Amino acid sequence: MDFDIAVRQVPYFGEPEAGDGYLVYQNEDDLLVVIIDALGHGTHAAELARAMEKYLKEKANFDLTWLMKSLHERFLGSLGAAVTMLHLDSRNYQFSGIGIGNNLLRKVNRRTQSFYAQPGIVGEMIPSLREFQGAFQPQDWFVLTTDGIRENLDLDEAGAPWLQHSARQIASYYMEHFSKYHDDATVIVVRCHHERNV
């Protein structure tokens, strides 16, 4: 299976750089996507987001609970951040995820399924971590957003029919129509668009 991936990011109005961050890491069968929303905005939030991106790139693997705990411990005492992680296993068509804070993950095909993060702040205080898991199919979509994107969206409002659009088009549509003027905003769209060759 191949993945069509797109990221759109816009900083808080008037700021040169977003306090949001992300990581996309892939091998032959697995994909890891992480979305980060450092608390606040401006220079300090952007510096934390870049530092978290660098750390995650160095430590990237598909053990989400370990990776989240490791990230939290590394950045204890920082501003803190909301972080959501998604792992897609294309060999077995399984996904897992974990989130702390107020980012949102949606799985979309004929209906939209939302996965909300647990309360807490990475780098300050996190609860006992709980991963969510499930199956996915070719043509499914995953959409990760920071809280700079409106939460109360339905599939029709967000540009259905989805299967006729690329990940880049959907990410751009989200950003142009549903981003908040007063916050950093990031949207990551992953389209699972080919059966894996056997």
C-alpha atoms as a PDB file:
ATOM      1  CA  MET A   1       0.000   0.000   0.000  1.00  0.00           C
ATOM      2  CA  ASP A   2       1.166   3.503  -0.803  1.00  0.00           C
ATOM      3  CA  PHE A   3       0.320   6.580   1.231  1.00  0.00           C
ATOM      4  CA  ASP A   4      -0.493  10.002  -0.182  1.00  0.00           C
ATOM      5  CA  ILE A   5       0.524  12.480   2.539  1.00  0.00           C
ATOM      6  CA  ALA A   6       0.115  16.250   2.723  1.00  0.00           C
ATOM      7  CA  VAL A   7       0.838  18.821   5.423  1.00  0.00           C
ATOM      8  CA  ARG A   8      -0.407  22.408   5.615  1.00  0.00           C
ATOM      9  CA  GLN A   9       0.697  24.747   8.380  1.00  0.00           C
ATOM     10  CA  VAL A  10      -0.009  28.431   9.041  1.00  0.00           C
ATOM     11  CA  PRO A  11       1.372  30.441  11.989  1.00  0.00           C
ATOM     12  CA  TYR A  12      -0.623  32.692  14.302  1.00  0.00           C
ATOM     13  CA  PHE A  13      -1.367  35.960  12.484  1.00  0.00           C
ATOM     14  CA  GLY A  14       1.676  38.213  12.632  1.00  0.00           C
ATOM     15  CA  GLU A  15       4.116  35.513  13.764  1.00  0.00           C
ATOM     16  CA  PRO A  16       6.962  34.454  11.450  1.00  0.00           C
ATOM     17  CA  GLU A  17       6.923  30.788  12.488  1.00  0.00           C
ATOM     18  CA  ALA A  18       4.321  28.358  13.804  1.00  0.00           C
ATOM     19  CA  GLY A  19       4.447  26.861  17.272  1.00  0.00           C
ATOM     20  CA  ASP A  20       3.084  23.664  15.718  1.00  0.00           C
ATOM     21  CA  GLY A  21       5.246  20.831  14.450  1.00  0.00           C
ATOM     22  CA  TYR A  22       5.056  17.398  12.850  1.00  0.00           C
ATOM     23  CA  LEU A  23       6.967  14.283  11.880  1.00  0.00           C
ATOM     24  CA  VAL A  24       6.350  11.838   9.028  1.00  0.00           C
ATOM     25  CA  TYR A  25       8.487   8.686   9.184  1.00  0.00           C
ATOM     26  CA  GLN A  26       8.043   5.679   6.894  1.00  0.00           C
ATOM     27  CA  ASN A  27       9.619   2.340   6.097  1.00  0.00           C
ATOM     28  CA  GLU A  28       8.490  -0.408   3.705  1.00  0.00           C
ATOM     29  CA  ASP A  29       5.348  -1.405   5.611  1.00  0.00           C
ATOM     30  CA  ASP A  30       4.813   1.174   8.348  1.00  0.00           C
ATOM     31  CA  LEU A  31       4.032   4.867   8.592  1.00  0.00           C
ATOM     32  CA  LEU A  32       4.390   7.082  11.662  1.00  0.00           C
ATOM     33  CA  VAL A  33       2.746  10.510  11.735  1.00  0.00           C
ATOM     34  CA  VAL A  34       3.096  12.882  14.692  1.00  0.00           C
ATOM     35  CA  ILE A  35       1.430  16.277  15.115  1.00  0.00           C
ATOM     36  CA  ILE A  36       2.625  18.756  17.768  1.00  0.00           C
ATOM     37  CA  ASP A  37       1.032  21.901  19.198  1.00  0.00           C
ATOM     38  CA  ALA A  38       3.380  23.686  21.612  1.00  0.00           C
ATOM     39  CA  LEU A  39       1.571  25.772  24.206  1.00  0.00           C
ATOM     40  CA  GLY A  40       1.112  29.395  23.231  1.00  0.00           C
ATOM     41  CA  HIS A  41       2.549  30.850  20.051  1.00  0.00           C
ATOM     42  CA  GLY A  42       5.507  32.902  18.910  1.00  0.00           C
ATOM     43  CA  THR A  43       9.241  32.323  19.205  1.00  0.00           C
ATOM     44  CA  HIS A  44       9.299  30.153  22.337  1.00  0.00           C
ATOM     45  CA  ALA A  45       6.543  27.847  21.094  1.00  0.00           C
ATOM     46  CA  ALA A  46       8.254  27.556  17.703  1.00  0.00           C
ATOM     47  CA  GLU A  47      11.585  26.697  19.347  1.00  0.00           C
ATOM     48  CA  LEU A  48       9.944  23.923  21.370  1.00  0.00           C
ATOM     49  CA  ALA A  49       8.136  22.547  18.315  1.00  0.00           C
ATOM     50  CA  ARG A  50      11.407  22.424  16.339  1.00  0.00           C
ATOM     51  CA  ALA A  51      13.223  20.742  19.244  1.00  0.00           C
ATOM     52  CA  MET A  52      10.483  18.110  19.546  1.00  0.00           C
ATOM     53  CA  GLU A  53      10.598  17.475  15.799  1.00  0.00           C
ATOM     54  CA  LYS A  54      14.369  16.942  16.005  1.00  0.00           C
ATOM     55  CA  TYR A  55      14.079  14.579  18.970  1.00  0.00           C
ATOM     56  CA  LEU A  56      11.307  12.537  17.350  1.00  0.00           C
ATOM     57  CA  LYS A  57      13.285  12.237  14.129  1.00  0.00           C
ATOM     58  CA  GLU A  58      16.219  10.834  16.106  1.00  0.00           C
ATOM     59  CA  LYS A  59      14.078   8.413  18.143  1.00  0.00           C
ATOM     60  CA  ALA A  60      11.404   7.512  15.573  1.00  0.00           C
ATOM     61  CA  ASN A  61       9.921   4.032  15.920  1.00  0.00           C
ATOM     62  CA  PHE A  62       6.475   2.457  15.980  1.00  0.00           C
ATOM     63  CA  ASP A  63       6.144   1.816  19.726  1.00  0.00           C
ATOM     64  CA  LEU A  64       3.849   4.769  20.371  1.00  0.00           C
ATOM     65  CA  THR A  65       3.582   4.432  24.142  1.00  0.00           C
ATOM     66  CA  TRP A  66       7.360   4.317  24.517  1.00  0.00           C
ATOM     67  CA  LEU A  67       7.816   7.215  22.106  1.00  0.00           C
ATOM     68  CA  MET A  68       5.272   9.417  23.904  1.00  0.00           C
ATOM     69  CA  LYS A  69       6.778   8.671  27.336  1.00  0.00           C
ATOM     70  CA  SER A  70      10.270   9.320  26.010  1.00  0.00           C
ATOM     71  CA  LEU A  71       9.210  12.642  24.486  1.00  0.00           C
ATOM     72  CA  HIS A  72       7.510  13.676  27.729  1.00  0.00           C
ATOM     73  CA  GLU A  73      10.558  12.834  29.852  1.00  0.00           C
ATOM     74  CA  ARG A  74      12.947  14.601  27.481  1.00  0.00           C
ATOM     75  CA  PHE A  75      10.955  17.849  27.607  1.00  0.00           C
ATOM     76  CA  LEU A  76       9.904  17.931  31.261  1.00  0.00           C
ATOM     77  CA  GLY A  77       9.933  21.526  32.467  1.00  0.00           C
ATOM     78  CA  SER A  78       9.362  23.004  29.000  1.00  0.00           C
ATOM     79  CA  LEU A  79       6.361  25.045  27.875  1.00  0.00           C
ATOM     80  CA  GLY A  80       4.695  21.732  27.085  1.00  0.00           C
ATOM     81  CA  ALA A  81       2.741  20.600  24.058  1.00  0.00           C
ATOM     82  CA  ALA A  82      -0.246  18.669  22.797  1.00  0.00           C
ATOM     83  CA  VAL A  83       0.981  15.657  20.809  1.00  0.00           C
ATOM     84  CA  THR A  84      -0.873  13.014  18.793  1.00  0.00           C
ATOM     85  CA  MET A  85       0.810  10.015  17.145  1.00  0.00           C
ATOM     86  CA  LEU A  86      -0.551   7.674  14.459  1.00  0.00           C
ATOM     87  CA  HIS A  87       0.972   4.375  13.278  1.00  0.00           C
ATOM     88  CA  LEU A  88      -0.308   2.675  10.115  1.00  0.00           C
ATOM     89  CA  ASP A  89       0.727  -0.947   9.478  1.00  0.00           C
ATOM     90  CA  SER A  90       0.101  -1.519   5.765  1.00  0.00           C
ATOM     91  CA  ARG A  91       1.023  -5.209   5.910  1.00  0.00           C
ATOM     92  CA  ASN A  92      -1.852  -6.031   8.271  1.00  0.00           C
ATOM     93  CA  TYR A  93      -4.112  -3.025   7.563  1.00  0.00           C
ATOM     94  CA  GLN A  94      -4.064  -2.039  11.233  1.00  0.00           C
ATOM     95  CA  PHE A  95      -3.670   1.366  12.830  1.00  0.00           C
ATOM     96  CA  SER A  96      -2.909   2.546  16.331  1.00  0.00           C
ATOM     97  CA  GLY A  97      -2.732   5.969  17.870  1.00  0.00           C
ATOM     98  CA  ILE A  98      -2.135   7.877  21.062  1.00  0.00           C
ATOM     99  CA  GLY A  99      -2.735  11.501  21.952  1.00  0.00           C
ATOM    100  CA  ILE A 100      -2.216  13.938  24.815  1.00  0.00           C
ATOM    101  CA  GLY A 101      -3.805  17.392  24.795  1.00  0.00           C
ATOM    102  CA  ASN A 102      -6.327  18.815  22.363  1.00  0.00           C
ATOM    103  CA  ASN A 103      -5.256  17.672  18.907  1.00  0.00           C
ATOM    104  CA  LEU A 104      -7.780  15.613  16.956  1.00  0.00           C
ATOM    105  CA  LEU A 105      -7.463  12.558  14.709  1.00  0.00           C
ATOM    106  CA  ARG A 106     -10.197  11.535  12.275  1.00  0.00           C
ATOM    107  CA  LYS A 107     -10.522   8.378  10.188  1.00  0.00           C
ATOM    108  CA  VAL A 108     -12.738   8.923   7.161  1.00  0.00           C
ATOM    109  CA  ASN A 109     -14.345   6.759   4.497  1.00  0.00           C
ATOM    110  CA  ARG A 110     -18.121   6.340   4.293  1.00  0.00           C
ATOM    111  CA  ARG A 111     -18.351   7.839   7.754  1.00  0.00           C
ATOM    112  CA  THR A 112     -16.110   9.872  10.016  1.00  0.00           C
ATOM    113  CA  GLN A 113     -14.671   8.392  13.201  1.00  0.00           C
ATOM    114  CA  SER A 114     -13.009  10.811  15.634  1.00  0.00           C
ATOM    115  CA  PHE A 115     -10.295   9.910  18.142  1.00  0.00           C
ATOM    116  CA  TYR A 116      -9.828  12.431  20.916  1.00  0.00           C
ATOM    117  CA  ALA A 117      -6.611  12.809  22.883  1.00  0.00           C
ATOM    118  CA  GLN A 118      -6.315  12.189  26.613  1.00  0.00           C
ATOM    119  CA  PRO A 119      -6.093  15.197  28.957  1.00  0.00           C
ATOM    120  CA  GLY A 120      -2.604  16.347  29.830  1.00  0.00           C
ATOM    121  CA  ILE A 121       0.427  18.244  28.571  1.00  0.00           C
ATOM    122  CA  VAL A 122       3.521  16.544  27.177  1.00  0.00           C
ATOM    123  CA  GLY A 123       6.453  18.002  29.105  1.00  0.00           C
ATOM    124  CA  GLU A 124       4.347  18.842  32.149  1.00  0.00           C
ATOM    125  CA  MET A 125       1.948  16.076  33.203  1.00  0.00           C
ATOM    126  CA  ILE A 126       0.558  13.067  31.346  1.00  0.00           C
ATOM    127  CA  PRO A 127      -1.896  10.366  32.467  1.00  0.00           C
ATOM    128  CA  SER A 128      -1.545   6.602  32.156  1.00  0.00           C
ATOM    129  CA  LEU A 129      -1.326   6.249  28.402  1.00  0.00           C
ATOM    130  CA  ARG A 130      -4.018   4.443  26.401  1.00  0.00           C
ATOM    131  CA  GLU A 131      -3.538   3.596  22.747  1.00  0.00           C
ATOM    132  CA  PHE A 132      -6.523   3.253  20.431  1.00  0.00           C
ATOM    133  CA  GLN A 133      -6.450   0.665  17.662  1.00  0.00           C
ATOM    134  CA  GLY A 134      -8.425  -0.474  14.656  1.00  0.00           C
ATOM    135  CA  ALA A 135      -8.407  -1.644  11.057  1.00  0.00           C
ATOM    136  CA  PHE A 136      -8.291   0.406   7.881  1.00  0.00           C
ATOM    137  CA  GLN A 137      -8.842  -0.226   4.179  1.00  0.00           C
ATOM    138  CA  PRO A 138      -7.497   1.168   0.916  1.00  0.00           C
ATOM    139  CA  GLN A 139      -9.194   4.516   0.206  1.00  0.00           C
ATOM    140  CA  ASP A 140      -9.485   5.388   3.908  1.00  0.00           C
ATOM    141  CA  TRP A 141      -8.270   8.787   5.024  1.00  0.00           C
ATOM    142  CA  PHE A 142      -6.686   9.935   8.264  1.00  0.00           C
ATOM    143  CA  VAL A 143      -6.765  13.623   9.167  1.00  0.00           C
ATOM    144  CA  LEU A 144      -4.752  15.031  12.079  1.00  0.00           C
ATOM    145  CA  THR A 145      -5.363  18.617  13.201  1.00  0.00           C
ATOM    146  CA  THR A 146      -4.177  20.954  15.923  1.00  0.00           C
ATOM    147  CA  ASP A 147      -6.726  23.126  17.704  1.00  0.00           C
ATOM    148  CA  GLY A 148      -6.104  25.891  15.185  1.00  0.00           C
ATOM    149  CA  ILE A 149      -8.527  23.935  12.961  1.00  0.00           C
ATOM    150  CA  ARG A 150     -12.210  23.897  13.902  1.00  0.00           C
ATOM    151  CA  GLU A 151     -13.380  20.662  15.514  1.00  0.00           C
ATOM    152  CA  ASN A 152     -17.075  20.745  14.598  1.00  0.00           C
ATOM    153  CA  LEU A 153     -16.808  19.571  10.997  1.00  0.00           C
ATOM    154  CA  ASP A 154     -18.802  16.968   9.143  1.00  0.00           C
ATOM    155  CA  LEU A 155     -17.715  15.049   6.057  1.00  0.00           C
ATOM    156  CA  ASP A 156     -19.938  16.929   3.616  1.00  0.00           C
ATOM    157  CA  GLU A 157     -18.759  20.316   4.865  1.00  0.00           C
ATOM    158  CA  ALA A 158     -15.130  19.273   4.547  1.00  0.00           C
ATOM    159  CA  GLY A 159     -15.221  18.639   0.811  1.00  0.00           C
ATOM    160  CA  ALA A 160     -16.954  15.332   0.028  1.00  0.00           C
ATOM    161  CA  PRO A 161     -16.756  13.219  -2.057  1.00  0.00           C
ATOM    162  CA  TRP A 162     -13.314  12.622  -0.541  1.00  0.00           C
ATOM    163  CA  LEU A 163     -12.215   9.887  -2.913  1.00  0.00           C
ATOM    164  CA  GLN A 164     -12.001  12.324  -5.825  1.00  0.00           C
ATOM    165  CA  HIS A 165      -9.423  14.556  -4.124  1.00  0.00           C
ATOM    166  CA  SER A 166      -5.728  14.247  -3.325  1.00  0.00           C
ATOM    167  CA  ALA A 167      -4.332  14.590   0.173  1.00  0.00           C
ATOM    168  CA  ARG A 168      -2.873  17.963  -0.835  1.00  0.00           C
ATOM    169  CA  GLN A 169      -6.263  19.241  -2.005  1.00  0.00           C
ATOM    170  CA  ILE A 170      -8.001  18.133   1.184  1.00  0.00           C
ATOM    171  CA  ALA A 171      -5.305  19.627   3.420  1.00  0.00           C
ATOM    172  CA  SER A 172      -5.531  22.914   1.541  1.00  0.00           C
ATOM    173  CA  TYR A 173      -9.329  22.906   1.792  1.00  0.00           C
ATOM    174  CA  TYR A 174      -9.200  22.362   5.553  1.00  0.00           C
ATOM    175  CA  MET A 175      -6.695  25.170   6.002  1.00  0.00           C
ATOM    176  CA  GLU A 176      -8.480  27.662   3.782  1.00  0.00           C
ATOM    177  CA  HIS A 177     -11.967  27.087   5.190  1.00  0.00           C
ATOM    178  CA  PHE A 178     -11.603  25.907   8.784  1.00  0.00           C
ATOM    179  CA  SER A 179      -8.428  27.414  10.276  1.00  0.00           C
ATOM    180  CA  LYS A 180      -8.720  29.903  13.129  1.00  0.00           C
ATOM    181  CA  TYR A 181      -7.332  33.380  12.570  1.00  0.00           C
ATOM    182  CA  HIS A 182      -6.059  33.666  16.161  1.00  0.00           C
ATOM    183  CA  ASP A 183      -3.990  30.466  16.473  1.00  0.00           C
ATOM    184  CA  ASP A 184      -1.275  28.407  14.821  1.00  0.00           C
ATOM    185  CA  ALA A 185      -2.958  25.816  12.599  1.00  0.00           C
ATOM    186  CA  THR A 186      -1.703  22.519  11.190  1.00  0.00           C
ATOM    187  CA  VAL A 187      -3.482  19.800   9.236  1.00  0.00           C
ATOM    188  CA  ILE A 188      -1.966  16.502   8.082  1.00  0.00           C
ATOM    189  CA  VAL A 189      -3.878  14.311   5.628  1.00  0.00           C
ATOM    190  CA  VAL A 190      -2.953  10.690   4.890  1.00  0.00           C
ATOM    191  CA  ARG A 191      -4.704   8.861   2.073  1.00  0.00           C
ATOM    192  CA  CYS A 192      -4.363   5.072   1.836  1.00  0.00           C
ATOM    193  CA  HIS A 193      -4.774   4.791  -1.897  1.00  0.00           C
ATOM    194  CA  HIS A 194      -3.325   1.572  -3.275  1.00  0.00           C
ATOM    195  CA  GLU A 195      -3.580  -2.082  -2.389  1.00  0.00           C
ATOM    196  CA  ARG A 196      -0.194  -3.484  -1.410  1.00  0.00           C
ATOM    197  CA  ASN A 197       1.352  -5.639  -4.135  1.00  0.00           C
ATOM    198  CA  VAL A 198       1.595  -9.290  -3.057  1.00  0.00           C
END
